[in-house]
PDB file of N, CA and C in Angstrom:
ATOM      1  N   MET A   1      14.421  15.767 -43.816  1.00  0.00           N
ATOM      2  CA  MET A   1      13.851  14.714 -44.622  1.00  0.00           C
ATOM      3  C   MET A   1      12.865  13.913 -43.772  1.00  0.00           C
ATOM      4  N   LEU A   2      11.721  13.633 -44.307  1.00  0.00           N
ATOM      5  CA  LEU A   2      10.703  12.863 -43.601  1.00  0.00           C
ATOM      6  C   LEU A   2      10.669  11.438 -44.139  1.00  0.00           C
ATOM      7  N   THR A   3      10.281  10.523 -43.272  1.00  0.00           N
ATOM      8  CA  THR A   3      10.117   9.130 -43.670  1.00  0.00           C
ATOM      9  C   THR A   3       8.827   8.599 -43.064  1.00  0.00           C
ATOM     10  N   GLN A   4       8.325   7.541 -43.623  1.00  0.00           N
ATOM     11  CA  GLN A   4       7.085   6.951 -43.128  1.00  0.00           C
ATOM     12  C   GLN A   4       7.409   5.779 -42.215  1.00  0.00           C
ATOM     13  N   VAL A   5       6.702   5.702 -41.088  1.00  0.00           N
ATOM     14  CA  VAL A   5       6.843   4.600 -40.145  1.00  0.00           C
ATOM     15  C   VAL A   5       5.555   3.789 -40.213  1.00  0.00           C
ATOM     16  N   SER A   6       5.700   2.487 -40.377  1.00  0.00           N
ATOM     17  CA  SER A   6       4.522   1.629 -40.481  1.00  0.00           C
ATOM     18  C   SER A   6       4.707   0.414 -39.587  1.00  0.00           C
ATOM     19  N   PHE A   7       3.687   0.104 -38.789  1.00  0.00           N
ATOM     20  CA  PHE A   7       3.733  -1.080 -37.937  1.00  0.00           C
ATOM     21  C   PHE A   7       2.318  -1.532 -37.656  1.00  0.00           C
ATOM     22  N   THR A   8       2.190  -2.758 -37.176  1.00  0.00           N
ATOM     23  CA  THR A   8       0.870  -3.264 -36.831  1.00  0.00           C
ATOM     24  C   THR A   8       0.682  -3.198 -35.322  1.00  0.00           C
ATOM     25  N   ALA A   9      -0.553  -2.995 -34.921  1.00  0.00           N
ATOM     26  CA  ALA A   9      -0.894  -2.922 -33.495  1.00  0.00           C
ATOM     27  C   ALA A   9      -2.286  -3.512 -33.312  1.00  0.00           C
ATOM     28  N   ASP A  10      -2.574  -3.915 -32.101  1.00  0.00           N
ATOM     29  CA  ASP A  10      -3.902  -4.406 -31.771  1.00  0.00           C
ATOM     30  C   ASP A  10      -4.923  -3.314 -32.092  1.00  0.00           C
ATOM     31  N   GLU A  11      -5.978  -3.671 -32.801  1.00  0.00           N
ATOM     32  CA  GLU A  11      -6.959  -2.677 -33.243  1.00  0.00           C
ATOM     33  C   GLU A  11      -7.635  -1.962 -32.074  1.00  0.00           C
ATOM     34  N   THR A  12      -7.960  -2.697 -31.024  1.00  0.00           N
ATOM     35  CA  THR A  12      -8.600  -2.085 -29.860  1.00  0.00           C
ATOM     36  C   THR A  12      -7.669  -1.070 -29.211  1.00  0.00           C
ATOM     37  N   LEU A  13      -6.396  -1.435 -29.069  1.00  0.00           N
ATOM     38  CA  LEU A  13      -5.410  -0.522 -28.492  1.00  0.00           C
ATOM     39  C   LEU A  13      -5.271   0.733 -29.343  1.00  0.00           C
ATOM     40  N   LYS A  14      -5.179   0.549 -30.656  1.00  0.00           N
ATOM     41  CA  LYS A  14      -5.054   1.694 -31.559  1.00  0.00           C
ATOM     42  C   LYS A  14      -6.257   2.622 -31.444  1.00  0.00           C
ATOM     43  N   ASN A  15      -7.450   2.045 -31.426  1.00  0.00           N
ATOM     44  CA  ASN A  15      -8.662   2.867 -31.345  1.00  0.00           C
ATOM     45  C   ASN A  15      -8.751   3.626 -30.028  1.00  0.00           C
ATOM     46  N   LYS A  16      -8.362   2.977 -28.928  1.00  0.00           N
ATOM     47  CA  LYS A  16      -8.367   3.659 -27.628  1.00  0.00           C
ATOM     48  C   LYS A  16      -7.346   4.792 -27.602  1.00  0.00           C
ATOM     49  N   ALA A  17      -6.161   4.535 -28.169  1.00  0.00           N
ATOM     50  CA  ALA A  17      -5.128   5.578 -28.221  1.00  0.00           C
ATOM     51  C   ALA A  17      -5.581   6.739 -29.100  1.00  0.00           C
ATOM     52  N   LEU A  18      -6.219   6.422 -30.213  1.00  0.00           N
ATOM     53  CA  LEU A  18      -6.730   7.445 -31.121  1.00  0.00           C
ATOM     54  C   LEU A  18      -7.764   8.321 -30.428  1.00  0.00           C
ATOM     55  N   GLU A  19      -8.700   7.700 -29.719  1.00  0.00           N
ATOM     56  CA  GLU A  19      -9.732   8.454 -29.005  1.00  0.00           C
ATOM     57  C   GLU A  19      -9.137   9.307 -27.884  1.00  0.00           C
ATOM     58  N   LYS A  20      -8.178   8.752 -27.148  1.00  0.00           N
ATOM     59  CA  LYS A  20      -7.569   9.509 -26.051  1.00  0.00           C
ATOM     60  C   LYS A  20      -6.790  10.705 -26.590  1.00  0.00           C
ATOM     61  N   ALA A  21      -6.039  10.482 -27.662  1.00  0.00           N
ATOM     62  CA  ALA A  21      -5.294  11.593 -28.265  1.00  0.00           C
ATOM     63  C   ALA A  21      -6.262  12.671 -28.751  1.00  0.00           C
ATOM     64  N   LYS A  22      -7.328  12.236 -29.414  1.00  0.00           N
ATOM     65  CA  LYS A  22      -8.327  13.179 -29.927  1.00  0.00           C
ATOM     66  C   LYS A  22      -8.955  13.973 -28.787  1.00  0.00           C
ATOM     67  N   SER A  23      -9.227  13.296 -27.660  1.00  0.00           N
ATOM     68  CA  SER A  23      -9.847  13.985 -26.524  1.00  0.00           C
ATOM     69  C   SER A  23      -8.917  15.027 -25.910  1.00  0.00           C
ATOM     70  N   GLN A  24      -7.619  14.871 -26.157  1.00  0.00           N
ATOM     71  CA  GLN A  24      -6.649  15.833 -25.630  1.00  0.00           C
ATOM     72  C   GLN A  24      -6.200  16.832 -26.692  1.00  0.00           C
ATOM     73  N   GLY A  25      -6.882  16.794 -27.845  1.00  0.00           N
ATOM     74  CA  GLY A  25      -6.652  17.807 -28.870  1.00  0.00           C
ATOM     75  C   GLY A  25      -5.445  17.572 -29.760  1.00  0.00           C
ATOM     76  N   ILE A  26      -4.948  16.350 -29.833  1.00  0.00           N
ATOM     77  CA  ILE A  26      -3.835  16.064 -30.739  1.00  0.00           C
ATOM     78  C   ILE A  26      -4.183  14.841 -31.583  1.00  0.00           C
ATOM     79  N   THR A  27      -3.431  14.663 -32.633  1.00  0.00           N
ATOM     80  CA  THR A  27      -3.627  13.472 -33.455  1.00  0.00           C
ATOM     81  C   THR A  27      -2.775  12.337 -32.891  1.00  0.00           C
ATOM     82  N   LEU A  28      -3.132  11.128 -33.253  1.00  0.00           N
ATOM     83  CA  LEU A  28      -2.335   9.980 -32.834  1.00  0.00           C
ATOM     84  C   LEU A  28      -0.936  10.075 -33.439  1.00  0.00           C
ATOM     85  N   LYS A  29      -0.862  10.559 -34.666  1.00  0.00           N
ATOM     86  CA  LYS A  29       0.442  10.738 -35.321  1.00  0.00           C
ATOM     87  C   LYS A  29       1.313  11.697 -34.517  1.00  0.00           C
ATOM     88  N   ALA A  30       0.742  12.818 -34.085  1.00  0.00           N
ATOM     89  CA  ALA A  30       1.512  13.794 -33.302  1.00  0.00           C
ATOM     90  C   ALA A  30       2.001  13.167 -32.004  1.00  0.00           C
ATOM     91  N   PHE A  31       1.128  12.407 -31.340  1.00  0.00           N
ATOM     92  CA  PHE A  31       1.535  11.749 -30.103  1.00  0.00           C
ATOM     93  C   PHE A  31       2.704  10.800 -30.343  1.00  0.00           C
ATOM     94  N   LEU A  32       2.605   9.980 -31.389  1.00  0.00           N
ATOM     95  CA  LEU A  32       3.667   9.011 -31.670  1.00  0.00           C
ATOM     96  C   LEU A  32       4.982   9.705 -32.027  1.00  0.00           C
ATOM     97  N   VAL A  33       4.910  10.805 -32.762  1.00  0.00           N
ATOM     98  CA  VAL A  33       6.127  11.566 -33.082  1.00  0.00           C
ATOM     99  C   VAL A  33       6.729  12.152 -31.810  1.00  0.00           C
ATOM    100  N   TYR A  34       5.902  12.723 -30.921  1.00  0.00           N
ATOM    101  CA  TYR A  34       6.397  13.243 -29.638  1.00  0.00           C
ATOM    102  C   TYR A  34       7.010  12.125 -28.799  1.00  0.00           C
ATOM    103  N   ALA A  35       6.375  10.961 -28.803  1.00  0.00           N
ATOM    104  CA  ALA A  35       6.888   9.829 -28.029  1.00  0.00           C
ATOM    105  C   ALA A  35       8.249   9.381 -28.556  1.00  0.00           C
ATOM    106  N   MET A  36       8.385   9.285 -29.874  1.00  0.00           N
ATOM    107  CA  MET A  36       9.684   8.895 -30.441  1.00  0.00           C
ATOM    108  C   MET A  36      10.755   9.927 -30.122  1.00  0.00           C
ATOM    109  N   SER A  37      10.396  11.190 -30.236  1.00  0.00           N
ATOM    110  CA  SER A  37      11.344  12.264 -29.943  1.00  0.00           C
ATOM    111  C   SER A  37      11.764  12.238 -28.476  1.00  0.00           C
ATOM    112  N   GLY A  38      10.807  12.064 -27.580  1.00  0.00           N
ATOM    113  CA  GLY A  38      11.113  11.993 -26.152  1.00  0.00           C
ATOM    114  C   GLY A  38      11.985  10.802 -25.817  1.00  0.00           C
ATOM    115  N   PHE A  39      11.761   9.684 -26.483  1.00  0.00           N
ATOM    116  CA  PHE A  39      12.569   8.488 -26.266  1.00  0.00           C
ATOM    117  C   PHE A  39      14.010   8.736 -26.704  1.00  0.00           C
ATOM    118  N   VAL A  40      14.175   9.316 -27.873  1.00  0.00           N
ATOM    119  CA  VAL A  40      15.516   9.609 -28.396  1.00  0.00           C
ATOM    120  C   VAL A  40      16.230  10.628 -27.519  1.00  0.00           C
ATOM    121  N   ASP A  41      15.510  11.639 -27.027  1.00  0.00           N
ATOM    122  CA  ASP A  41      16.105  12.687 -26.189  1.00  0.00           C
ATOM    123  C   ASP A  41      16.336  12.243 -24.750  1.00  0.00           C
ATOM    124  N   GLY A  42      15.916  11.047 -24.396  1.00  0.00           N
ATOM    125  CA  GLY A  42      16.115  10.545 -23.037  1.00  0.00           C
ATOM    126  C   GLY A  42      15.061  11.013 -22.051  1.00  0.00           C
ATOM    127  N   LYS A  43      13.984  11.612 -22.540  1.00  0.00           N
ATOM    128  CA  LYS A  43      12.910  12.071 -21.656  1.00  0.00           C
ATOM    129  C   LYS A  43      11.931  10.942 -21.339  1.00  0.00           C
ATOM    130  N   ILE A  44      11.955   9.902 -22.141  1.00  0.00           N
ATOM    131  CA  ILE A  44      11.136   8.711 -21.917  1.00  0.00           C
ATOM    132  C   ILE A  44      12.086   7.527 -21.846  1.00  0.00           C
ATOM    133  N   ALA A  45      11.998   6.770 -20.760  1.00  0.00           N
ATOM    134  CA  ALA A  45      12.858   5.596 -20.601  1.00  0.00           C
ATOM    135  C   ALA A  45      11.995   4.355 -20.438  1.00  0.00           C
ATOM    136  N   LEU A  46      12.441   3.284 -20.995  1.00  0.00           N
ATOM    137  CA  LEU A  46      11.737   2.017 -20.890  1.00  0.00           C
ATOM    138  C   LEU A  46      12.654   1.004 -20.225  1.00  0.00           C
ATOM    139  N   SER A  47      12.051   0.072 -19.505  1.00  0.00           N
ATOM    140  CA  SER A  47      12.854  -0.998 -18.912  1.00  0.00           C
ATOM    141  C   SER A  47      12.084  -2.301 -19.012  1.00  0.00           C
ATOM    142  N   ILE A  48      12.827  -3.381 -19.040  1.00  0.00           N
ATOM    143  CA  ILE A  48      12.225  -4.711 -19.081  1.00  0.00           C
ATOM    144  C   ILE A  48      12.707  -5.454 -17.857  1.00  0.00           C
ATOM    145  N   ASP A  49      11.762  -5.979 -17.089  1.00  0.00           N
ATOM    146  CA  ASP A  49      12.091  -6.723 -15.880  1.00  0.00           C
ATOM    147  C   ASP A  49      11.911  -8.209 -16.173  1.00  0.00           C
ATOM    148  N   VAL A  50      13.024  -8.911 -16.216  1.00  0.00           N
ATOM    149  CA  VAL A  50      12.976 -10.344 -16.484  1.00  0.00           C
ATOM    150  C   VAL A  50      12.983 -11.075 -15.154  1.00  0.00           C
ATOM    151  N   SER A  51      11.969 -11.866 -14.939  1.00  0.00           N
ATOM    152  CA  SER A  51      11.838 -12.594 -13.684  1.00  0.00           C
ATOM    153  C   SER A  51      12.392 -14.001 -13.841  1.00  0.00           C
ATOM    154  N   GLU A  52      13.161 -14.418 -12.864  1.00  0.00           N
ATOM    155  CA  GLU A  52      13.720 -15.768 -12.870  1.00  0.00           C
ATOM    156  C   GLU A  52      12.811 -16.734 -12.119  1.00  0.00           C
ATOM    157  N   LYS A  53      11.658 -16.254 -11.700  1.00  0.00           N
ATOM    158  CA  LYS A  53      10.740 -17.058 -10.909  1.00  0.00           C
ATOM    159  C   LYS A  53      10.140 -18.181 -11.758  1.00  0.00           C
ATOM    160  N   GLU A  54      10.075 -19.348 -11.170  1.00  0.00           N
ATOM    161  CA  GLU A  54       9.474 -20.498 -11.842  1.00  0.00           C
ATOM    162  C   GLU A  54       7.969 -20.264 -12.006  1.00  0.00           C
ATOM    163  N   PRO A  55       7.411 -20.645 -13.148  1.00  0.00           N
ATOM    164  CA  PRO A  55       5.959 -20.503 -13.308  1.00  0.00           C
ATOM    165  C   PRO A  55       5.224 -21.468 -12.386  1.00  0.00           C
ATOM    166  N   GLU A  56       4.045 -21.055 -11.969  1.00  0.00           N
ATOM    167  CA  GLU A  56       3.236 -21.924 -11.118  1.00  0.00           C
ATOM    168  C   GLU A  56       2.702 -23.089 -11.945  1.00  0.00           C
ATOM    169  N   VAL A  57       2.817 -24.265 -11.385  1.00  0.00           N
ATOM    170  CA  VAL A  57       2.343 -25.462 -12.073  1.00  0.00           C
ATOM    171  C   VAL A  57       1.364 -26.181 -11.159  1.00  0.00           C
ATOM    172  N   GLU A  58       0.226 -26.506 -11.705  1.00  0.00           N
ATOM    173  CA  GLU A  58      -0.774 -27.240 -10.937  1.00  0.00           C
ATOM    174  C   GLU A  58      -0.653 -28.718 -11.278  1.00  0.00           C
ATOM    175  N   GLU A  59      -0.506 -29.539 -10.268  1.00  0.00           N
ATOM    176  CA  GLU A  59      -0.405 -30.978 -10.496  1.00  0.00           C
ATOM    177  C   GLU A  59      -1.801 -31.585 -10.482  1.00  0.00           C
ATOM    178  N   LEU A  60      -2.109 -32.315 -11.527  1.00  0.00           N
ATOM    179  CA  LEU A  60      -3.406 -32.968 -11.635  1.00  0.00           C
ATOM    180  C   LEU A  60      -3.236 -34.456 -11.365  1.00  0.00           C
ATOM    181  N   VAL A  61      -4.132 -35.019 -10.592  1.00  0.00           N
ATOM    182  CA  VAL A  61      -4.109 -36.451 -10.292  1.00  0.00           C
ATOM    183  C   VAL A  61      -5.314 -37.082 -10.978  1.00  0.00           C
ATOM    184  N   PHE A  62      -5.016 -38.007 -11.883  1.00  0.00           N
ATOM    185  CA  PHE A  62      -6.081 -38.673 -12.623  1.00  0.00           C
ATOM    186  C   PHE A  62      -6.341 -40.052 -12.020  1.00  0.00           C
ATOM    187  N   THR A  63      -7.597 -40.390 -11.844  1.00  0.00           N
ATOM    188  CA  THR A  63      -7.945 -41.705 -11.297  1.00  0.00           C
ATOM    189  C   THR A  63      -8.393 -42.672 -12.391  1.00  0.00           C
ATOM    190  N   ASP A  64      -8.914 -42.154 -13.471  1.00  0.00           N
ATOM    191  CA  ASP A  64      -9.326 -42.993 -14.591  1.00  0.00           C
ATOM    192  C   ASP A  64      -8.072 -43.530 -15.294  1.00  0.00           C
ATOM    193  N   ARG A  65      -7.979 -44.842 -15.468  1.00  0.00           N
ATOM    194  CA  ARG A  65      -6.774 -45.461 -16.038  1.00  0.00           C
ATOM    195  C   ARG A  65      -6.477 -44.979 -17.455  1.00  0.00           C
ATOM    196  N   ALA A  66      -7.497 -44.855 -18.278  1.00  0.00           N
ATOM    197  CA  ALA A  66      -7.291 -44.417 -19.663  1.00  0.00           C
ATOM    198  C   ALA A  66      -6.751 -42.991 -19.704  1.00  0.00           C
ATOM    199  N   ILE A  67      -7.339 -42.126 -18.904  1.00  0.00           N
ATOM    200  CA  ILE A  67      -6.879 -40.735 -18.857  1.00  0.00           C
ATOM    201  C   ILE A  67      -5.476 -40.678 -18.276  1.00  0.00           C
ATOM    202  N   LYS A  68      -5.224 -41.441 -17.229  1.00  0.00           N
ATOM    203  CA  LYS A  68      -3.904 -41.454 -16.593  1.00  0.00           C
ATOM    204  C   LYS A  68      -2.840 -41.915 -17.590  1.00  0.00           C
ATOM    205  N   SER A  69      -3.137 -42.937 -18.355  1.00  0.00           N
ATOM    206  CA  SER A  69      -2.202 -43.455 -19.352  1.00  0.00           C
ATOM    207  C   SER A  69      -1.889 -42.407 -20.415  1.00  0.00           C
ATOM    208  N   ARG A  70      -2.926 -41.739 -20.889  1.00  0.00           N
ATOM    209  CA  ARG A  70      -2.728 -40.698 -21.913  1.00  0.00           C
ATOM    210  C   ARG A  70      -1.977 -39.498 -21.344  1.00  0.00           C
ATOM    211  N   ALA A  71      -2.262 -39.139 -20.104  1.00  0.00           N
ATOM    212  CA  ALA A  71      -1.569 -38.018 -19.464  1.00  0.00           C
ATOM    213  C   ALA A  71      -0.086 -38.333 -19.301  1.00  0.00           C
ATOM    214  N   GLN A  72       0.233 -39.569 -18.923  1.00  0.00           N
ATOM    215  CA  GLN A  72       1.633 -39.961 -18.773  1.00  0.00           C
ATOM    216  C   GLN A  72       2.345 -39.949 -20.124  1.00  0.00           C
ATOM    217  N   LYS A  73       1.663 -40.406 -21.162  1.00  0.00           N
ATOM    218  CA  LYS A  73       2.238 -40.391 -22.508  1.00  0.00           C
ATOM    219  C   LYS A  73       2.509 -38.955 -22.946  1.00  0.00           C
ATOM    220  N   LEU A  74       1.562 -38.076 -22.705  1.00  0.00           N
ATOM    221  CA  LEU A  74       1.735 -36.670 -23.046  1.00  0.00           C
ATOM    222  C   LEU A  74       2.902 -36.063 -22.273  1.00  0.00           C
ATOM    223  N   ALA A  75       3.010 -36.386 -20.996  1.00  0.00           N
ATOM    224  CA  ALA A  75       4.105 -35.865 -20.171  1.00  0.00           C
ATOM    225  C   ALA A  75       5.452 -36.313 -20.722  1.00  0.00           C
ATOM    226  N   ARG A  76       5.551 -37.566 -21.166  1.00  0.00           N
ATOM    227  CA  ARG A  76       6.811 -38.060 -21.748  1.00  0.00           C
ATOM    228  C   ARG A  76       7.139 -37.307 -23.029  1.00  0.00           C
ATOM    229  N   LEU A  77       6.135 -37.042 -23.846  1.00  0.00           N
ATOM    230  CA  LEU A  77       6.358 -36.320 -25.098  1.00  0.00           C
ATOM    231  C   LEU A  77       6.818 -34.882 -24.860  1.00  0.00           C
ATOM    232  N   LEU A  78       6.367 -34.292 -23.776  1.00  0.00           N
ATOM    233  CA  LEU A  78       6.698 -32.894 -23.486  1.00  0.00           C
ATOM    234  C   LEU A  78       8.066 -32.717 -22.832  1.00  0.00           C
ATOM    235  N   ARG A  79       8.682 -33.787 -22.400  1.00  0.00           N
ATOM    236  CA  ARG A  79       9.998 -33.678 -21.747  1.00  0.00           C
ATOM    237  C   ARG A  79      11.076 -33.350 -22.712  1.00  0.00           C
TER     238      ARG A  79
END
């Protein structure tokens, strides 16, 4: 039994994948079916690396009183 798979993807990514598949003599559909099959069969493995590293934060020093006041107000709102 066949079923239809539908999802959205970035258009540029889709077009690049389509062209690459075409250049290798297969359709994008065939590639995606092979990829799903390989994933299910354990021939393709994916992993996600979650980093506990703190994001880099740049501290800005404002000298203008009006800007400094607004920046402090914004900082309080974001806490």
